[in-house]
């Protein structure tokens, strides 16, 4: 009985040690290939800032928000989260 708990404790300890030394996992990707806007207006929060397969932004996201999407080939929305596929907007 005691040996089972020691094995479980050792397994948990080794697992946590290995997870802590795996390094930083990248949670976002930044893309700056789009450089122009269709209109020069500010987007509303959670509004589509870039449509899929388009080569220009629909609008500019407000300060402290990001034009982000789940991947390159999805619509991007203005959001305060900086994870996922981030479309870098020119100033």
PDB file of N, CA and C in Angstrom:
ATOM      1  N   UNK A   1       0.820  -1.190   0.000  1.00  0.00           N
ATOM      2  CA  UNK A   1       0.000   0.000   0.000  1.00  0.00           C
ATOM      3  C   UNK A   1       0.861   1.250   0.000  1.00  0.00           C
ATOM      4  N   UNK A   2       1.868   1.271   0.881  1.00  0.00           N
ATOM      5  CA  UNK A   2       2.741   2.437   0.973  1.00  0.00           C
ATOM      6  C   UNK A   2       3.614   2.566  -0.268  1.00  0.00           C
ATOM      7  N   UNK A   3       3.993   1.454  -0.862  1.00  0.00           N
ATOM      8  CA  UNK A   3       4.852   1.514  -2.046  1.00  0.00           C
ATOM      9  C   UNK A   3       4.096   2.106  -3.240  1.00  0.00           C
ATOM     10  N   UNK A   4       2.773   1.855  -3.320  1.00  0.00           N
ATOM     11  CA  UNK A   4       1.965   2.437  -4.390  1.00  0.00           C
ATOM     12  C   UNK A   4       1.912   3.952  -4.281  1.00  0.00           C
ATOM     13  N   UNK A   5       1.770   4.467  -3.070  1.00  0.00           N
ATOM     14  CA  UNK A   5       1.709   5.912  -2.892  1.00  0.00           C
ATOM     15  C   UNK A   5       3.066   6.554  -3.187  1.00  0.00           C
ATOM     16  N   UNK A   6       4.153   5.857  -2.875  1.00  0.00           N
ATOM     17  CA  UNK A   6       5.487   6.380  -3.177  1.00  0.00           C
ATOM     18  C   UNK A   6       5.696   6.437  -4.683  1.00  0.00           C
ATOM     19  N   UNK A   7       5.240   5.419  -5.406  1.00  0.00           N
ATOM     20  CA  UNK A   7       5.371   5.393  -6.871  1.00  0.00           C
ATOM     21  C   UNK A   7       4.544   6.516  -7.491  1.00  0.00           C
ATOM     22  N   UNK A   8       3.330   6.712  -7.004  1.00  0.00           N
ATOM     23  CA  UNK A   8       2.469   7.781  -7.522  1.00  0.00           C
ATOM     24  C   UNK A   8       3.101   9.139  -7.246  1.00  0.00           C
ATOM     25  N   UNK A   9       3.612   9.334  -6.026  1.00  0.00           N
ATOM     26  CA  UNK A   9       4.258  10.596  -5.676  1.00  0.00           C
ATOM     27  C   UNK A   9       5.472  10.851  -6.567  1.00  0.00           C
ATOM     28  N   UNK A  10       6.281   9.832  -6.802  1.00  0.00           N
ATOM     29  CA  UNK A  10       7.466   9.974  -7.650  1.00  0.00           C
ATOM     30  C   UNK A  10       7.065  10.308  -9.089  1.00  0.00           C
ATOM     31  N   UNK A  11       6.020   9.664  -9.588  1.00  0.00           N
ATOM     32  CA  UNK A  11       5.542   9.934 -10.941  1.00  0.00           C
ATOM     33  C   UNK A  11       5.066  11.378 -11.076  1.00  0.00           C
ATOM     34  N   UNK A  12       4.286  11.848 -10.113  1.00  0.00           N
ATOM     35  CA  UNK A  12       3.787  13.224 -10.137  1.00  0.00           C
ATOM     36  C   UNK A  12       4.947  14.207 -10.049  1.00  0.00           C
ATOM     37  N   UNK A  13       5.902  13.947  -9.171  1.00  0.00           N
ATOM     38  CA  UNK A  13       7.049  14.840  -9.005  1.00  0.00           C
ATOM     39  C   UNK A  13       7.868  14.928 -10.293  1.00  0.00           C
ATOM     40  N   UNK A  14       8.148  13.804 -10.918  1.00  0.00           N
ATOM     41  CA  UNK A  14       8.920  13.786 -12.164  1.00  0.00           C
ATOM     42  C   UNK A  14       8.144  14.471 -13.282  1.00  0.00           C
ATOM     43  N   UNK A  15       6.848  14.236 -13.349  1.00  0.00           N
ATOM     44  CA  UNK A  15       6.028  14.872 -14.378  1.00  0.00           C
ATOM     45  C   UNK A  15       6.051  16.386 -14.244  1.00  0.00           C
ATOM     46  N   UNK A  16       5.878  16.895 -13.031  1.00  0.00           N
ATOM     47  CA  UNK A  16       5.904  18.343 -12.814  1.00  0.00           C
ATOM     48  C   UNK A  16       7.285  18.917 -13.114  1.00  0.00           C
ATOM     49  N   UNK A  17       8.318  18.201 -12.785  1.00  0.00           N
ATOM     50  CA  UNK A  17       9.669  18.649 -13.078  1.00  0.00           C
ATOM     51  C   UNK A  17       9.895  18.765 -14.588  1.00  0.00           C
ATOM     52  N   UNK A  18       9.441  17.770 -15.335  1.00  0.00           N
ATOM     53  CA  UNK A  18       9.616  17.788 -16.787  1.00  0.00           C
ATOM     54  C   UNK A  18       8.785  18.883 -17.445  1.00  0.00           C
ATOM     55  N   UNK A  19       7.570  19.090 -16.964  1.00  0.00           N
ATOM     56  CA  UNK A  19       6.708  20.132 -17.529  1.00  0.00           C
ATOM     57  C   UNK A  19       7.320  21.502 -17.281  1.00  0.00           C
ATOM     58  N   UNK A  20       7.906  21.698 -16.126  1.00  0.00           N
ATOM     59  CA  UNK A  20       8.513  22.986 -15.804  1.00  0.00           C
ATOM     60  C   UNK A  20       9.735  23.308 -16.630  1.00  0.00           C
ATOM     61  N   UNK A  21      10.376  22.326 -17.225  1.00  0.00           N
ATOM     62  CA  UNK A  21      11.589  22.550 -17.994  1.00  0.00           C
ATOM     63  C   UNK A  21      11.373  22.417 -19.501  1.00  0.00           C
ATOM     64  N   UNK A  22      10.150  22.381 -19.946  1.00  0.00           N
ATOM     65  CA  UNK A  22       9.885  22.259 -21.380  1.00  0.00           C
ATOM     66  C   UNK A  22      10.091  23.574 -22.112  1.00  0.00           C
ATOM     67  N   UNK A  23      10.111  24.679 -21.415  1.00  0.00           N
ATOM     68  CA  UNK A  23      10.281  25.981 -22.041  1.00  0.00           C
ATOM     69  C   UNK A  23       8.947  26.668 -22.264  1.00  0.00           C
ATOM     70  N   UNK A  24       9.027  27.800 -22.897  1.00  0.00           N
ATOM     71  CA  UNK A  24       7.827  28.596 -23.162  1.00  0.00           C
ATOM     72  C   UNK A  24       7.128  28.058 -24.397  1.00  0.00           C
ATOM     73  N   UNK A  25       5.842  27.875 -24.295  1.00  0.00           N
ATOM     74  CA  UNK A  25       5.034  27.415 -25.421  1.00  0.00           C
ATOM     75  C   UNK A  25       4.460  28.646 -26.101  1.00  0.00           C
ATOM     76  N   UNK A  26       4.710  28.797 -27.389  1.00  0.00           N
ATOM     77  CA  UNK A  26       4.232  29.958 -28.126  1.00  0.00           C
ATOM     78  C   UNK A  26       2.728  29.834 -28.336  1.00  0.00           C
ATOM     79  N   UNK A  27       1.991  30.869 -27.913  1.00  0.00           N
ATOM     80  CA  UNK A  27       0.539  30.835 -28.004  1.00  0.00           C
ATOM     81  C   UNK A  27      -0.004  31.789 -29.043  1.00  0.00           C
ATOM     82  N   UNK A  28       0.881  32.499 -29.744  1.00  0.00           N
ATOM     83  CA  UNK A  28       0.401  33.418 -30.770  1.00  0.00           C
ATOM     84  C   UNK A  28       1.407  33.492 -31.909  1.00  0.00           C
ATOM     85  N   UNK A  29       0.924  33.960 -33.051  1.00  0.00           N
ATOM     86  CA  UNK A  29       1.754  34.173 -34.221  1.00  0.00           C
ATOM     87  C   UNK A  29       1.391  35.525 -34.798  1.00  0.00           C
ATOM     88  N   UNK A  30       2.376  36.341 -35.091  1.00  0.00           N
ATOM     89  CA  UNK A  30       2.132  37.689 -35.606  1.00  0.00           C
ATOM     90  C   UNK A  30       2.409  37.735 -37.100  1.00  0.00           C
ATOM     91  N   UNK A  31       1.490  38.332 -37.848  1.00  0.00           N
ATOM     92  CA  UNK A  31       1.601  38.435 -39.304  1.00  0.00           C
ATOM     93  C   UNK A  31       1.509  39.909 -39.700  1.00  0.00           C
ATOM     94  N   UNK A  32       2.495  40.413 -40.418  1.00  0.00           N
ATOM     95  CA  UNK A  32       2.474  41.812 -40.852  1.00  0.00           C
ATOM     96  C   UNK A  32       2.454  41.942 -42.373  1.00  0.00           C
ATOM     97  N   UNK A  33       1.869  40.984 -43.073  1.00  0.00           N
ATOM     98  CA  UNK A  33       1.844  41.005 -44.539  1.00  0.00           C
ATOM     99  C   UNK A  33       0.779  41.941 -45.099  1.00  0.00           C
ATOM    100  N   UNK A  34      -0.222  42.314 -44.317  1.00  0.00           N
ATOM    101  CA  UNK A  34      -1.269  43.221 -44.778  1.00  0.00           C
ATOM    102  C   UNK A  34      -0.889  44.633 -44.344  1.00  0.00           C
ATOM    103  N   UNK A  35      -0.904  45.584 -45.294  1.00  0.00           N
ATOM    104  CA  UNK A  35      -0.390  46.918 -44.984  1.00  0.00           C
ATOM    105  C   UNK A  35      -1.339  48.062 -45.316  1.00  0.00           C
ATOM    106  N   UNK A  36      -2.579  47.781 -45.716  1.00  0.00           N
ATOM    107  CA  UNK A  36      -3.483  48.890 -46.063  1.00  0.00           C
ATOM    108  C   UNK A  36      -4.871  48.656 -45.507  1.00  0.00           C
ATOM    109  N   UNK A  37      -5.671  49.714 -45.512  1.00  0.00           N
ATOM    110  CA  UNK A  37      -7.034  49.693 -44.991  1.00  0.00           C
ATOM    111  C   UNK A  37      -8.032  49.997 -46.103  1.00  0.00           C
ATOM    112  N   UNK A  38      -9.221  49.403 -45.996  1.00  0.00           N
ATOM    113  CA  UNK A  38     -10.309  49.740 -46.914  1.00  0.00           C
ATOM    114  C   UNK A  38     -10.862  51.108 -46.530  1.00  0.00           C
ATOM    115  N   UNK A  39     -11.099  51.295 -45.233  1.00  0.00           N
ATOM    116  CA  UNK A  39     -11.572  52.584 -44.707  1.00  0.00           C
ATOM    117  C   UNK A  39     -10.679  52.992 -43.538  1.00  0.00           C
ATOM    118  N   UNK A  40     -10.649  54.269 -43.241  1.00  0.00           N
ATOM    119  CA  UNK A  40      -9.831  54.765 -42.133  1.00  0.00           C
ATOM    120  C   UNK A  40     -10.712  55.064 -40.930  1.00  0.00           C
ATOM    121  N   UNK A  41     -11.355  54.062 -40.436  1.00  0.00           N
ATOM    122  CA  UNK A  41     -12.195  54.231 -39.254  1.00  0.00           C
ATOM    123  C   UNK A  41     -11.770  53.247 -38.182  1.00  0.00           C
ATOM    124  N   UNK A  42     -12.206  53.497 -36.955  1.00  0.00           N
ATOM    125  CA  UNK A  42     -11.880  52.620 -35.835  1.00  0.00           C
ATOM    126  C   UNK A  42     -12.969  51.570 -35.685  1.00  0.00           C
ATOM    127  N   UNK A  43     -12.552  50.326 -35.496  1.00  0.00           N
ATOM    128  CA  UNK A  43     -13.497  49.222 -35.314  1.00  0.00           C
ATOM    129  C   UNK A  43     -14.158  49.287 -33.945  1.00  0.00           C
ATOM    130  N   UNK A  44     -15.306  48.689 -33.837  1.00  0.00           N
ATOM    131  CA  UNK A  44     -15.930  48.442 -32.543  1.00  0.00           C
ATOM    132  C   UNK A  44     -15.291  47.200 -31.953  1.00  0.00           C
ATOM    133  N   UNK A  45     -15.435  47.025 -30.651  1.00  0.00           N
ATOM    134  CA  UNK A  45     -14.904  45.830 -30.015  1.00  0.00           C
ATOM    135  C   UNK A  45     -15.623  44.606 -30.572  1.00  0.00           C
ATOM    136  N   UNK A  46     -14.894  43.563 -30.880  1.00  0.00           N
ATOM    137  CA  UNK A  46     -15.398  42.298 -31.414  1.00  0.00           C
ATOM    138  C   UNK A  46     -15.982  42.431 -32.824  1.00  0.00           C
ATOM    139  N   UNK A  47     -15.586  43.469 -33.544  1.00  0.00           N
ATOM    140  CA  UNK A  47     -16.002  43.645 -34.937  1.00  0.00           C
ATOM    141  C   UNK A  47     -14.962  42.999 -35.845  1.00  0.00           C
ATOM    142  N   UNK A  48     -15.386  42.542 -37.013  1.00  0.00           N
ATOM    143  CA  UNK A  48     -14.444  41.956 -37.968  1.00  0.00           C
ATOM    144  C   UNK A  48     -13.508  43.057 -38.462  1.00  0.00           C
ATOM    145  N   UNK A  49     -12.217  42.891 -38.208  1.00  0.00           N
ATOM    146  CA  UNK A  49     -11.231  43.886 -38.653  1.00  0.00           C
ATOM    147  C   UNK A  49     -10.550  43.451 -39.950  1.00  0.00           C
ATOM    148  N   UNK A  50     -10.560  42.146 -40.231  1.00  0.00           N
ATOM    149  CA  UNK A  50     -10.006  41.633 -41.481  1.00  0.00           C
ATOM    150  C   UNK A  50     -10.767  40.383 -41.884  1.00  0.00           C
ATOM    151  N   UNK A  51     -11.258  40.394 -43.111  1.00  0.00           N
ATOM    152  CA  UNK A  51     -11.972  39.228 -43.620  1.00  0.00           C
ATOM    153  C   UNK A  51     -10.978  38.234 -44.214  1.00  0.00           C
ATOM    154  N   UNK A  52     -11.362  36.970 -44.186  1.00  0.00           N
ATOM    155  CA  UNK A  52     -10.492  35.929 -44.718  1.00  0.00           C
ATOM    156  C   UNK A  52     -10.207  36.155 -46.199  1.00  0.00           C
ATOM    157  N   UNK A  53      -8.992  35.870 -46.602  1.00  0.00           N
ATOM    158  CA  UNK A  53      -8.503  35.963 -47.985  1.00  0.00           C
ATOM    159  C   UNK A  53      -8.461  37.382 -48.541  1.00  0.00           C
ATOM    160  N   UNK A  54      -8.663  38.404 -47.726  1.00  0.00           N
ATOM    161  CA  UNK A  54      -8.591  39.795 -48.189  1.00  0.00           C
ATOM    162  C   UNK A  54      -7.199  40.355 -47.910  1.00  0.00           C
ATOM    163  N   UNK A  55      -6.754  41.270 -48.742  1.00  0.00           N
ATOM    164  CA  UNK A  55      -5.412  41.842 -48.612  1.00  0.00           C
ATOM    165  C   UNK A  55      -5.409  43.229 -47.971  1.00  0.00           C
ATOM    166  N   UNK A  56      -6.511  43.591 -47.313  1.00  0.00           N
ATOM    167  CA  UNK A  56      -6.572  44.870 -46.607  1.00  0.00           C
ATOM    168  C   UNK A  56      -7.484  44.738 -45.388  1.00  0.00           C
ATOM    169  N   UNK A  57      -7.247  45.612 -44.410  1.00  0.00           N
ATOM    170  CA  UNK A  57      -8.061  45.620 -43.196  1.00  0.00           C
ATOM    171  C   UNK A  57      -9.340  46.397 -43.449  1.00  0.00           C
ATOM    172  N   UNK A  58     -10.415  45.997 -42.801  1.00  0.00           N
ATOM    173  CA  UNK A  58     -11.678  46.724 -42.903  1.00  0.00           C
ATOM    174  C   UNK A  58     -11.651  47.989 -42.068  1.00  0.00           C
ATOM    175  N   UNK A  59     -10.999  47.913 -40.902  1.00  0.00           N
ATOM    176  CA  UNK A  59     -10.936  49.047 -39.983  1.00  0.00           C
ATOM    177  C   UNK A  59      -9.770  48.818 -39.024  1.00  0.00           C
ATOM    178  N   UNK A  60      -9.454  49.832 -38.232  1.00  0.00           N
ATOM    179  CA  UNK A  60      -8.340  49.736 -37.286  1.00  0.00           C
ATOM    180  C   UNK A  60      -8.872  49.455 -35.891  1.00  0.00           C
ATOM    181  N   UNK A  61      -8.267  48.480 -35.230  1.00  0.00           N
ATOM    182  CA  UNK A  61      -8.674  48.139 -33.865  1.00  0.00           C
ATOM    183  C   UNK A  61      -8.266  49.253 -32.909  1.00  0.00           C
ATOM    184  N   UNK A  62      -9.055  49.476 -31.865  1.00  0.00           N
ATOM    185  CA  UNK A  62      -8.717  50.519 -30.890  1.00  0.00           C
ATOM    186  C   UNK A  62      -7.405  50.215 -30.168  1.00  0.00           C
ATOM    187  N   UNK A  63      -6.900  51.224 -29.467  1.00  0.00           N
ATOM    188  CA  UNK A  63      -5.668  51.062 -28.699  1.00  0.00           C
ATOM    189  C   UNK A  63      -5.857  49.962 -27.655  1.00  0.00           C
ATOM    190  N   UNK A  64      -4.814  49.201 -27.395  1.00  0.00           N
ATOM    191  CA  UNK A  64      -4.799  48.084 -26.436  1.00  0.00           C
ATOM    192  C   UNK A  64      -5.678  46.907 -26.872  1.00  0.00           C
ATOM    193  N   UNK A  65      -5.942  46.790 -28.168  1.00  0.00           N
ATOM    194  CA  UNK A  65      -6.635  45.605 -28.664  1.00  0.00           C
ATOM    195  C   UNK A  65      -5.916  45.113 -29.915  1.00  0.00           C
ATOM    196  N   UNK A  66      -6.193  43.878 -30.286  1.00  0.00           N
ATOM    197  CA  UNK A  66      -5.492  43.221 -31.375  1.00  0.00           C
ATOM    198  C   UNK A  66      -6.488  42.730 -32.415  1.00  0.00           C
ATOM    199  N   UNK A  67      -6.051  42.724 -33.664  1.00  0.00           N
ATOM    200  CA  UNK A  67      -6.838  42.112 -34.731  1.00  0.00           C
ATOM    201  C   UNK A  67      -6.401  40.650 -34.770  1.00  0.00           C
ATOM    202  N   UNK A  68      -7.225  39.764 -34.232  1.00  0.00           N
ATOM    203  CA  UNK A  68      -6.805  38.376 -34.054  1.00  0.00           C
ATOM    204  C   UNK A  68      -7.827  37.406 -34.634  1.00  0.00           C
ATOM    205  N   UNK A  69      -7.316  36.245 -35.012  1.00  0.00           N
ATOM    206  CA  UNK A  69      -8.166  35.182 -35.551  1.00  0.00           C
ATOM    207  C   UNK A  69      -7.632  33.842 -35.061  1.00  0.00           C
ATOM    208  N   UNK A  70      -8.422  32.776 -35.186  1.00  0.00           N
ATOM    209  CA  UNK A  70      -7.941  31.464 -34.770  1.00  0.00           C
ATOM    210  C   UNK A  70      -6.862  30.909 -35.701  1.00  0.00           C
ATOM    211  N   UNK A  71      -6.778  31.423 -36.917  1.00  0.00           N
ATOM    212  CA  UNK A  71      -5.779  30.964 -37.883  1.00  0.00           C
ATOM    213  C   UNK A  71      -5.697  31.928 -39.045  1.00  0.00           C
ATOM    214  N   UNK A  72      -4.811  31.660 -39.975  1.00  0.00           N
ATOM    215  CA  UNK A  72      -4.593  32.572 -41.100  1.00  0.00           C
ATOM    216  C   UNK A  72      -5.827  32.682 -42.000  1.00  0.00           C
ATOM    217  N   UNK A  73      -6.557  31.633 -42.171  1.00  0.00           N
ATOM    218  CA  UNK A  73      -7.669  31.615 -43.127  1.00  0.00           C
ATOM    219  C   UNK A  73      -9.027  31.725 -42.447  1.00  0.00           C
ATOM    220  N   UNK A  74      -9.118  32.609 -41.455  1.00  0.00           N
ATOM    221  CA  UNK A  74     -10.367  32.875 -40.737  1.00  0.00           C
ATOM    222  C   UNK A  74     -10.565  34.383 -40.641  1.00  0.00           C
ATOM    223  N   UNK A  75     -11.798  34.803 -40.409  1.00  0.00           N
ATOM    224  CA  UNK A  75     -12.045  36.212 -40.137  1.00  0.00           C
ATOM    225  C   UNK A  75     -11.356  36.602 -38.840  1.00  0.00           C
ATOM    226  N   UNK A  76     -10.831  37.823 -38.800  1.00  0.00           N
ATOM    227  CA  UNK A  76     -10.155  38.321 -37.602  1.00  0.00           C
ATOM    228  C   UNK A  76     -11.033  39.381 -36.941  1.00  0.00           C
ATOM    229  N   UNK A  77     -11.056  39.370 -35.619  1.00  0.00           N
ATOM    230  CA  UNK A  77     -11.878  40.288 -34.838  1.00  0.00           C
ATOM    231  C   UNK A  77     -11.006  41.095 -33.889  1.00  0.00           C
ATOM    232  N   UNK A  78     -11.452  42.292 -33.527  1.00  0.00           N
ATOM    233  CA  UNK A  78     -10.746  43.090 -32.533  1.00  0.00           C
ATOM    234  C   UNK A  78     -10.974  42.473 -31.159  1.00  0.00           C
ATOM    235  N   UNK A  79      -9.893  42.246 -30.447  1.00  0.00           N
ATOM    236  CA  UNK A  79      -9.972  41.595 -29.150  1.00  0.00           C
ATOM    237  C   UNK A  79      -8.825  42.072 -28.272  1.00  0.00           C
ATOM    238  N   UNK A  80      -9.027  42.011 -26.961  1.00  0.00           N
ATOM    239  CA  UNK A  80      -7.946  42.390 -26.048  1.00  0.00           C
ATOM    240  C   UNK A  80      -7.001  41.222 -25.792  1.00  0.00           C
ATOM    241  N   UNK A  81      -7.381  40.021 -26.183  1.00  0.00           N
ATOM    242  CA  UNK A  81      -6.508  38.853 -26.012  1.00  0.00           C
ATOM    243  C   UNK A  81      -5.438  38.869 -27.099  1.00  0.00           C
ATOM    244  N   UNK A  82      -4.207  38.556 -26.722  1.00  0.00           N
ATOM    245  CA  UNK A  82      -3.127  38.561 -27.708  1.00  0.00           C
ATOM    246  C   UNK A  82      -2.660  37.144 -28.039  1.00  0.00           C
ATOM    247  N   UNK A  83      -3.584  36.204 -28.038  1.00  0.00           N
ATOM    248  CA  UNK A  83      -3.263  34.834 -28.415  1.00  0.00           C
ATOM    249  C   UNK A  83      -3.892  34.525 -29.767  1.00  0.00           C
ATOM    250  N   UNK A  84      -3.401  33.504 -30.408  1.00  0.00           N
ATOM    251  CA  UNK A  84      -3.926  33.114 -31.706  1.00  0.00           C
ATOM    252  C   UNK A  84      -3.089  33.724 -32.825  1.00  0.00           C
ATOM    253  N   UNK A  85      -3.715  33.974 -33.934  1.00  0.00           N
ATOM    254  CA  UNK A  85      -3.053  34.544 -35.106  1.00  0.00           C
ATOM    255  C   UNK A  85      -3.293  36.041 -35.066  1.00  0.00           C
ATOM    256  N   UNK A  86      -2.261  36.826 -34.812  1.00  0.00           N
ATOM    257  CA  UNK A  86      -2.379  38.278 -34.658  1.00  0.00           C
ATOM    258  C   UNK A  86      -1.998  38.953 -35.967  1.00  0.00           C
ATOM    259  N   UNK A  87      -2.912  39.742 -36.508  1.00  0.00           N
ATOM    260  CA  UNK A  87      -2.647  40.524 -37.700  1.00  0.00           C
ATOM    261  C   UNK A  87      -2.145  41.894 -37.245  1.00  0.00           C
ATOM    262  N   UNK A  88      -0.867  42.185 -37.468  1.00  0.00           N
ATOM    263  CA  UNK A  88      -0.290  43.451 -37.052  1.00  0.00           C
ATOM    264  C   UNK A  88      -0.802  44.562 -37.971  1.00  0.00           C
ATOM    265  N   UNK A  89      -1.406  45.567 -37.370  1.00  0.00           N
ATOM    266  CA  UNK A  89      -1.976  46.660 -38.151  1.00  0.00           C
ATOM    267  C   UNK A  89      -1.005  47.835 -38.235  1.00  0.00           C
ATOM    268  N   UNK A  90      -0.837  48.412 -39.430  1.00  0.00           N
ATOM    269  CA  UNK A  90       0.046  49.575 -39.553  1.00  0.00           C
ATOM    270  C   UNK A  90      -0.568  50.796 -38.877  1.00  0.00           C
ATOM    271  N   UNK A  91       0.291  51.728 -38.472  1.00  0.00           N
ATOM    272  CA  UNK A  91      -0.203  52.943 -37.803  1.00  0.00           C
ATOM    273  C   UNK A  91      -0.622  53.994 -38.786  1.00  0.00           C
TER     274      UNK A  91
END
